[in-house]
Structure formats: structure tokens, C-alpha cells
Amino acid sequence: MANSQAAEPTRRDFLYVATAAAGAVGAVFVAWPFIDQMNPSTAVLAQASIEVDVSSVQPGQSVTVMWRGKPTFIRRRTEREIRDAAAVAVDDLRDRLARSASAPDNAPATDENRVQRPEWLIVVGVCTHLGCIPLSNQGEYGGWLCACHGSQYDTSGRVRVGPAPENLSVPPYAFLSDTRVRIG
């Protein structure tokens, strides 16, 4: 004879469900600190964008600011530096891509694709070879020289000689006025 009645839930069934639910809630409480620690810290979030007053930067001078924990070079270029950078043929460059946040990924590394205003160049100051910090106003091209391995960048932040595979990257930035720029 087959039992035609559905089995009634027993106390044992209730204990199984309650134990599973308590285990799931406990797992969430244990996992939450591990998941939460992967969020960016408040210090990083505070550096997501910075505003810089560039009114005191003289032509030919570079300043370094920290943005997202990386040195970022702001250079006020002279008329000659602007002319020399614009005159470089893209075919003569080691890296022919602009590597600028404001240009398409496949944009050529012309000076115009790397700057918003010809007088101002803003690049992340981390060498693309081994992550060193290049020295300003050094090298054969008047831009930056990575003394660790000899890579040289021109006044548009483009690698010209050395083992560095890419140009210095141009971060997202916008001029808020003639003397203030927001990076990030």
C-alpha cells in the first residue's frame, strides 16, 4: 500500500532549514570584511581628481604633483619647445600612439593629440620601462631622462630612445580657468 498523504514537515526538517539559514547569514558576516577591504581607501578616493594652481609655473619649468599616488608632471612649454614637438614626424617615434585619455586609443602620437593647450603638457611621470621616475629637463630632447636605463622623452612626453616601450601617458584633465587645472 502506498501512502497517498504528503509527509508533514517535522521538527527535524525545521532544524535543517534553520541551521542552513543561520550558516548562510554567518558566512555573509565572515565574508563581508574581506570583501569590504577591497574597496578603495578614502585616501585614494580623495585623490581621484586634484586641482592644481599653475599660475606660478614659468615657461620652460616643470612641476610635479601627486595624482592617484603617481608623480604627474605639469610642464609649461616655451614657444621653441612647442615648435620642436610639433615638428616631429610620427614615423620617427618608437611609440606611434598618443596614449592620451582625451584621444582615441589608436590616435597617432602627434603633439596636438597629447595636449589640450600647446603651452601646457601634463603627463604621468612614470617611465614605461620599469616604473622609474624620469628627471625633468634632461636628455638629448630636452624633456625627461630616465637615469636608470637611459630612456629619453621629448617635450611632448614621447619616448625617443632607450628601452621604454611606450610614451608617458596623458591623464584625463581639464582647465577650469587659465590658471587652474583639474587632473582626473
Protein backbone atom coordinates (compact mmCIF):
# COMPACT_ATOMS: atom_id res chain seq x y z
CA MET A 1 0.00 0.00 0.00
CA ALA A 2 1.25 3.38 -0.98
CA ASN A 3 0.93 6.31 1.34
CA SER A 4 -1.17 8.88 -0.53
CA GLN A 5 -0.76 11.62 2.01
CA ALA A 6 2.07 14.19 1.66
CA ALA A 7 4.51 13.99 4.51
CA GLU A 8 4.03 16.66 7.13
CA PRO A 9 7.09 18.79 7.94
CA THR A 10 8.75 17.51 11.04
CA ARG A 11 10.76 19.21 13.68
CA ARG A 12 13.90 17.75 12.06
CA ASP A 13 13.04 19.48 8.73
CA PHE A 14 12.65 22.78 10.54
CA LEU A 15 16.05 22.35 12.22
CA TYR A 16 17.73 21.64 8.85
CA VAL A 17 16.27 24.81 7.29
CA ALA A 18 17.05 26.95 10.35
CA THR A 19 20.63 25.65 10.51
CA ALA A 20 21.19 26.32 6.79
CA ALA A 21 19.79 29.86 7.11
CA ALA A 22 21.95 30.62 10.16
CA GLY A 23 25.00 29.24 8.33
CA ALA A 24 24.33 31.44 5.30
CA VAL A 25 23.95 34.55 7.47
CA GLY A 26 27.14 33.64 9.35
CA ALA A 27 29.04 33.18 6.08
CA VAL A 28 27.97 36.65 4.94
CA PHE A 29 29.16 38.19 8.21
CA VAL A 30 32.51 36.40 7.93
CA ALA A 31 33.00 37.28 4.23
CA TRP A 32 31.93 40.94 4.48
CA PRO A 33 35.21 42.31 5.97
CA PHE A 34 37.22 40.54 3.28
CA ILE A 35 35.03 41.95 0.50
CA ASP A 36 34.90 45.42 2.05
CA GLN A 37 38.68 45.70 2.33
CA MET A 38 38.92 45.50 -1.49
CA ASN A 39 37.20 48.88 -1.85
CA PRO A 40 39.49 51.87 -2.43
CA SER A 41 40.51 53.66 0.73
CA THR A 42 39.32 57.18 1.46
CA ALA A 43 42.82 58.46 0.70
CA VAL A 44 42.65 57.01 -2.80
CA LEU A 45 39.14 58.32 -3.38
CA ALA A 46 40.28 61.77 -2.27
CA GLN A 47 42.98 61.68 -4.94
CA ALA A 48 40.64 60.58 -7.72
CA SER A 49 40.91 64.13 -9.00
CA ILE A 50 43.03 67.05 -7.91
CA GLU A 51 43.03 70.73 -8.74
CA VAL A 52 46.34 72.47 -9.30
CA ASP A 53 47.10 76.19 -9.46
CA VAL A 54 49.62 76.60 -12.30
CA SER A 55 49.88 80.40 -12.16
CA SER A 56 53.42 80.34 -10.73
CA VAL A 57 54.85 77.91 -13.33
CA GLN A 58 57.19 79.78 -15.66
CA PRO A 59 57.79 78.89 -19.35
CA GLY A 60 60.29 76.03 -19.56
CA GLN A 61 59.58 74.93 -15.99
CA SER A 62 58.09 71.62 -14.84
CA VAL A 63 56.33 70.90 -11.56
CA THR A 64 55.46 67.54 -10.10
CA VAL A 65 52.18 66.84 -8.32
CA MET A 66 50.89 63.57 -6.91
CA TRP A 67 47.77 62.19 -8.54
CA ARG A 68 46.46 58.74 -7.56
CA GLY A 69 49.76 58.06 -5.84
CA LYS A 70 51.80 58.71 -9.00
CA PRO A 71 54.03 61.65 -9.82
CA THR A 72 52.41 63.73 -12.54
CA PHE A 73 54.46 66.26 -14.49
CA ILE A 74 52.98 69.61 -15.47
CA ARG A 75 55.22 71.46 -17.89
CA ARG A 76 54.76 74.95 -19.23
CA ARG A 77 56.46 74.74 -22.58
CA THR A 78 58.30 77.53 -24.34
CA GLU A 79 57.49 78.56 -27.90
CA ARG A 80 60.56 76.70 -29.11
CA GLU A 81 59.59 73.51 -27.26
CA ILE A 82 56.11 73.70 -28.79
CA ARG A 83 57.57 74.17 -32.32
CA ASP A 84 60.11 71.35 -31.85
CA ALA A 85 57.47 68.95 -30.50
CA ALA A 86 55.05 69.74 -33.33
CA ALA A 87 57.77 69.25 -35.97
CA VAL A 88 58.48 65.61 -35.03
CA ALA A 89 57.16 63.13 -37.59
CA VAL A 90 55.12 60.30 -36.06
CA ASP A 91 57.07 57.80 -38.20
CA ASP A 92 60.27 58.81 -36.35
CA LEU A 93 58.83 57.79 -32.97
CA ARG A 94 59.33 54.50 -31.14
CA ASP A 95 55.71 54.54 -29.95
CA ARG A 96 53.35 55.95 -32.55
CA LEU A 97 50.25 56.08 -30.31
CA ALA A 98 49.20 59.21 -28.41
CA ARG A 99 48.39 57.34 -25.15
CA SER A 100 46.15 60.21 -24.10
CA ALA A 101 42.95 59.89 -22.09
CA SER A 102 41.36 62.59 -24.26
CA ALA A 103 42.23 60.94 -27.61
CA PRO A 104 41.02 57.68 -29.17
CA ASP A 105 43.13 54.59 -28.40
CA ASN A 106 44.50 54.49 -31.95
CA ALA A 107 45.26 58.24 -32.23
CA PRO A 108 48.74 59.00 -33.58
CA ALA A 109 51.32 60.48 -31.20
CA THR A 110 51.25 63.96 -32.67
CA ASP A 111 51.82 66.80 -30.26
CA GLU A 112 48.27 68.01 -30.91
CA ASN A 113 46.83 64.68 -29.71
CA ARG A 114 48.81 64.85 -26.46
CA VAL A 115 47.97 68.39 -25.28
CA GLN A 116 44.80 70.43 -24.86
CA ARG A 117 46.65 73.74 -24.87
CA PRO A 118 50.02 73.90 -26.67
CA GLU A 119 51.67 75.74 -23.78
CA TRP A 120 50.83 73.03 -21.22
CA LEU A 121 51.86 69.38 -21.17
CA ILE A 122 50.52 67.10 -18.43
CA VAL A 123 51.81 63.51 -18.25
CA VAL A 124 52.04 60.75 -15.66
CA GLY A 125 55.70 60.79 -14.62
CA VAL A 126 56.32 57.05 -14.52
CA CYS A 127 58.76 55.55 -17.03
CA THR A 128 57.07 52.91 -19.14
CA HIS A 129 60.05 50.55 -18.96
CA LEU A 130 60.45 49.70 -15.28
CA GLY A 131 58.37 52.31 -13.47
CA CYS A 132 61.20 54.70 -12.59
CA ILE A 133 60.65 58.45 -12.29
CA PRO A 134 62.43 60.34 -15.09
CA LEU A 135 64.36 63.55 -14.43
CA SER A 136 62.95 66.78 -15.91
CA ASN A 137 64.79 68.97 -18.42
CA GLN A 138 67.33 66.25 -19.12
CA GLY A 139 68.47 64.29 -22.12
CA GLU A 140 69.06 64.98 -25.77
CA TYR A 141 65.45 66.00 -26.42
CA GLY A 142 65.05 68.44 -23.52
CA GLY A 143 62.17 66.55 -21.93
CA TRP A 144 62.82 63.78 -19.43
CA LEU A 145 65.62 61.27 -18.92
CA CYS A 146 65.25 58.01 -17.03
CA ALA A 147 68.70 57.71 -15.49
CA CYS A 148 68.12 54.05 -14.55
CA HIS A 149 68.26 52.72 -18.10
CA GLY A 150 68.65 55.71 -20.43
CA SER A 151 65.20 56.17 -21.94
CA GLN A 152 64.68 59.73 -23.13
CA TYR A 153 61.38 61.52 -23.64
CA ASP A 154 60.86 64.72 -25.63
CA THR A 155 58.95 67.84 -24.55
CA SER A 156 55.72 66.11 -25.56
CA GLY A 157 56.43 63.10 -23.29
CA ARG A 158 57.10 60.75 -26.23
CA VAL A 159 59.85 58.14 -25.89
CA ARG A 160 62.65 58.82 -28.36
CA VAL A 161 65.50 56.47 -27.31
CA GLY A 162 66.06 53.71 -24.79
CA PRO A 163 64.23 50.54 -23.83
CA ALA A 164 60.96 52.21 -22.77
CA PRO A 165 58.22 50.74 -24.98
CA GLU A 166 55.59 53.49 -24.67
CA ASN A 167 55.15 57.23 -24.38
CA LEU A 168 54.38 58.75 -21.00
CA SER A 169 50.62 58.55 -20.59
CA VAL A 170 48.46 61.66 -20.59
CA PRO A 171 45.88 61.54 -17.76
CA PRO A 172 42.37 62.94 -18.09
CA TYR A 173 42.47 66.64 -17.29
CA ALA A 174 40.56 69.86 -17.88
CA PHE A 175 41.41 73.51 -17.48
CA LEU A 176 38.99 75.18 -15.08
CA SER A 177 40.48 78.60 -15.84
CA ASP A 178 43.71 79.97 -17.28
CA THR A 179 45.50 79.18 -14.00
CA ARG A 180 43.69 76.12 -12.60
CA VAL A 181 43.68 72.59 -13.95
CA ARG A 182 41.80 69.54 -12.67
CA ILE A 183 43.55 66.21 -13.19
CA GLY A 184 41.38 63.11 -13.03
